[in-house]
Amino acid sequence: CSALLLFISIMTMFMSGVVAIFEYDLKKIIALSTLSQLGMMMFSISLGLYELAFFHLLTHALFKALLFLCAGILIHGAGNTQDIRSFGGLSLNFPLVTVCMNLANLSLCGVPFLAGFYSKDLIVELACQYSWGIFVLLMMFICLSLTVLYSVRLTYLSFVGPYGGG
């Protein structure tokens, strides 16, 4: 049963990460990252790490709430559009939102000394100690890399890239 949950959780993390990379709707990207993190929690449960899954749920709720608050401000400030292709260069108009959203994205990626690091790193560290095989570990690290990739893409298209609005 735990092997089935392990497989489903890894596939959930992988597929939601891949879809988030090719998505342009801001709220869908954030929702897909939530789905990826739920996969991470189920991955933790499949390894028997119930307390860590709950800890990740709590830390994830905090930085995800900040992400959605920042997204709402950006959508409102960009003329009620959710398409990140029409954002670009918003760091000049929304410096505080830029800082908050980047902190939340960095926490989502598991950057050390931010909230997501403390829960995600423990899950990854203990998963490396289990003997599920190299494929499970490789997929886990690919899924973690996808999280970083779509977070950096979101930050670039929203705050750094050229303005794409009409």
Protein backbone atom coordinates (compact mmCIF):
# COMPACT_ATOMS: atom_id res chain seq x y z
CA CYS A 1 0.00 0.00 0.00
CA SER A 2 2.81 2.42 0.81
CA ALA A 3 4.52 1.54 -2.48
CA LEU A 4 1.35 2.55 -4.36
CA LEU A 5 1.14 5.80 -2.39
CA LEU A 6 4.83 6.42 -3.09
CA PHE A 7 4.29 5.97 -6.83
CA ILE A 8 1.16 8.16 -6.92
CA SER A 9 2.82 10.90 -4.88
CA ILE A 10 5.92 11.00 -7.09
CA MET A 11 3.79 11.08 -10.23
CA THR A 12 1.67 13.87 -8.72
CA MET A 13 4.76 15.93 -7.97
CA PHE A 14 6.21 15.26 -11.41
CA MET A 15 3.11 15.94 -13.50
CA SER A 16 2.08 19.07 -11.60
CA GLY A 17 5.64 20.40 -11.88
CA VAL A 18 5.80 19.80 -15.63
CA VAL A 19 2.38 21.38 -16.22
CA ALA A 20 3.32 24.42 -14.08
CA ILE A 21 6.37 25.05 -16.27
CA PHE A 22 4.18 25.46 -19.36
CA GLU A 23 1.34 27.38 -17.71
CA TYR A 24 0.86 31.15 -18.08
CA ASP A 25 -2.05 31.72 -15.69
CA LEU A 26 -0.71 33.05 -12.37
CA LYS A 27 -3.33 31.43 -10.15
CA LYS A 28 -3.02 28.10 -11.95
CA ILE A 29 0.75 28.09 -11.44
CA ILE A 30 0.29 28.69 -7.72
CA ALA A 31 -2.42 26.02 -7.56
CA LEU A 32 -0.21 23.53 -9.41
CA SER A 33 2.61 24.24 -6.99
CA THR A 34 0.19 23.46 -4.18
CA LEU A 35 -0.62 20.16 -5.88
CA SER A 36 3.09 19.43 -6.14
CA GLN A 37 3.57 20.12 -2.44
CA LEU A 38 0.61 17.90 -1.58
CA GLY A 39 2.44 15.20 -3.51
CA MET A 40 5.46 15.90 -1.33
CA MET A 41 3.33 15.46 1.77
CA MET A 42 1.93 12.17 0.48
CA PHE A 43 5.48 11.11 -0.37
CA SER A 44 6.38 11.77 3.25
CA ILE A 45 3.38 9.77 4.45
CA SER A 46 4.32 6.87 2.17
CA LEU A 47 7.67 6.73 3.96
CA GLY A 48 5.93 6.71 7.34
CA LEU A 49 6.94 10.29 8.19
CA TYR A 50 3.51 11.45 9.35
CA GLU A 51 4.72 14.24 11.64
CA LEU A 52 6.95 15.68 8.91
CA ALA A 53 4.04 15.64 6.46
CA PHE A 54 1.97 17.64 8.94
CA PHE A 55 4.87 20.01 9.60
CA HIS A 56 5.24 20.55 5.85
CA LEU A 57 1.49 21.17 5.62
CA LEU A 58 1.74 23.94 8.22
CA THR A 59 4.80 25.65 6.74
CA HIS A 60 3.38 25.29 3.23
CA ALA A 61 0.12 26.94 4.32
CA LEU A 62 1.99 30.01 5.54
CA PHE A 63 4.11 30.74 2.48
CA LYS A 64 1.34 29.71 0.08
CA ALA A 65 -1.03 32.19 1.72
CA LEU A 66 1.58 34.88 1.15
CA LEU A 67 1.91 33.82 -2.49
CA PHE A 68 -1.84 34.07 -3.07
CA LEU A 69 -2.01 37.49 -1.36
CA CYS A 70 0.79 38.77 -3.57
CA ALA A 71 -0.85 37.24 -6.63
CA GLY A 72 -4.08 39.07 -5.84
CA ILE A 73 -2.27 42.38 -5.61
CA LEU A 74 -0.45 41.72 -8.90
CA ILE A 75 -3.66 40.71 -10.69
CA HIS A 76 -5.44 43.80 -9.44
CA GLY A 77 -2.50 46.06 -10.25
CA ALA A 78 -2.06 44.63 -13.74
CA GLY A 79 -5.59 45.47 -14.80
CA ASN A 80 -7.30 42.25 -13.65
CA THR A 81 -5.29 39.94 -15.88
CA GLN A 82 -3.83 36.66 -14.67
CA ASP A 83 -1.64 36.06 -17.72
CA ILE A 84 1.98 36.39 -16.60
CA ARG A 85 3.07 37.14 -20.16
CA SER A 86 1.40 40.54 -19.78
CA PHE A 87 3.13 41.34 -16.49
CA GLY A 88 6.87 41.95 -16.89
CA GLY A 89 8.81 44.57 -14.99
CA LEU A 90 6.32 44.77 -12.12
CA SER A 91 9.15 45.04 -9.60
CA LEU A 92 9.33 48.76 -10.33
CA ASN A 93 5.66 49.33 -9.56
CA PHE A 94 5.34 46.84 -6.69
CA PRO A 95 8.64 46.67 -4.78
CA LEU A 96 7.17 45.35 -1.50
CA VAL A 97 5.07 42.73 -3.31
CA THR A 98 8.19 41.71 -5.25
CA VAL A 99 10.12 41.13 -2.02
CA CYS A 100 7.25 39.23 -0.37
CA MET A 101 6.53 37.08 -3.40
CA ASN A 102 10.20 36.27 -3.89
CA LEU A 103 10.52 35.28 -0.22
CA ALA A 104 7.49 33.01 -0.54
CA ASN A 105 8.86 31.50 -3.77
CA LEU A 106 12.26 30.93 -2.18
CA SER A 107 10.56 29.25 0.75
CA LEU A 108 8.63 27.07 -1.70
CA CYS A 109 11.94 26.06 -3.27
CA GLY A 110 13.36 25.12 0.13
CA VAL A 111 16.09 27.76 0.37
CA PRO A 112 17.94 27.41 3.68
CA PHE A 113 16.67 29.32 6.72
CA LEU A 114 13.22 29.94 5.24
CA ALA A 115 10.08 28.10 6.38
CA GLY A 116 9.94 25.58 3.52
CA PHE A 117 13.51 24.51 4.09
CA TYR A 118 12.93 23.13 7.57
CA SER A 119 10.14 20.80 6.51
CA LYS A 120 11.24 19.91 2.98
CA ASP A 121 14.87 19.28 3.88
CA LEU A 122 13.92 16.83 6.61
CA ILE A 123 11.69 14.91 4.22
CA VAL A 124 14.42 14.79 1.57
CA GLU A 125 17.11 13.83 4.08
CA LEU A 126 15.09 10.99 5.56
CA ALA A 127 13.95 9.83 2.11
CA CYS A 128 17.61 9.47 1.15
CA GLN A 129 18.07 7.09 4.08
CA TYR A 130 15.32 4.73 2.90
CA SER A 131 16.25 1.94 0.50
CA TRP A 132 13.53 2.43 -2.11
CA GLY A 133 16.09 2.57 -4.88
CA ILE A 134 17.80 5.08 -7.09
CA PHE A 135 14.73 5.65 -9.28
CA VAL A 136 12.67 7.00 -6.37
CA LEU A 137 15.48 9.32 -5.28
CA LEU A 138 16.12 10.48 -8.83
CA MET A 139 12.44 11.25 -9.37
CA MET A 140 12.27 13.08 -6.04
CA PHE A 141 15.21 15.31 -6.98
CA ILE A 142 13.78 15.90 -10.47
CA CYS A 143 10.49 16.99 -8.88
CA LEU A 144 12.32 19.32 -6.51
CA SER A 145 14.19 20.77 -9.49
CA LEU A 146 10.90 21.35 -11.32
CA THR A 147 9.68 23.37 -8.35
CA VAL A 148 12.73 25.61 -8.59
CA LEU A 149 12.31 25.89 -12.36
CA TYR A 150 8.70 27.06 -12.38
CA SER A 151 9.31 29.38 -9.43
CA VAL A 152 12.22 31.08 -11.20
CA ARG A 153 10.17 31.27 -14.40
CA LEU A 154 7.28 32.90 -12.53
CA THR A 155 9.60 35.43 -10.91
CA TYR A 156 11.32 36.25 -14.19
CA LEU A 157 8.15 36.70 -16.25
CA SER A 158 6.43 38.72 -13.54
CA PHE A 159 9.13 40.98 -12.19
CA VAL A 160 12.25 40.95 -14.36
CA GLY A 161 11.22 40.24 -17.94
CA PRO A 162 10.05 42.84 -20.44
CA TYR A 163 6.58 44.33 -20.12
CA GLY A 164 4.19 42.41 -22.29
CA GLY A 165 0.92 44.27 -21.70
CA GLY A 166 -0.94 46.23 -24.29
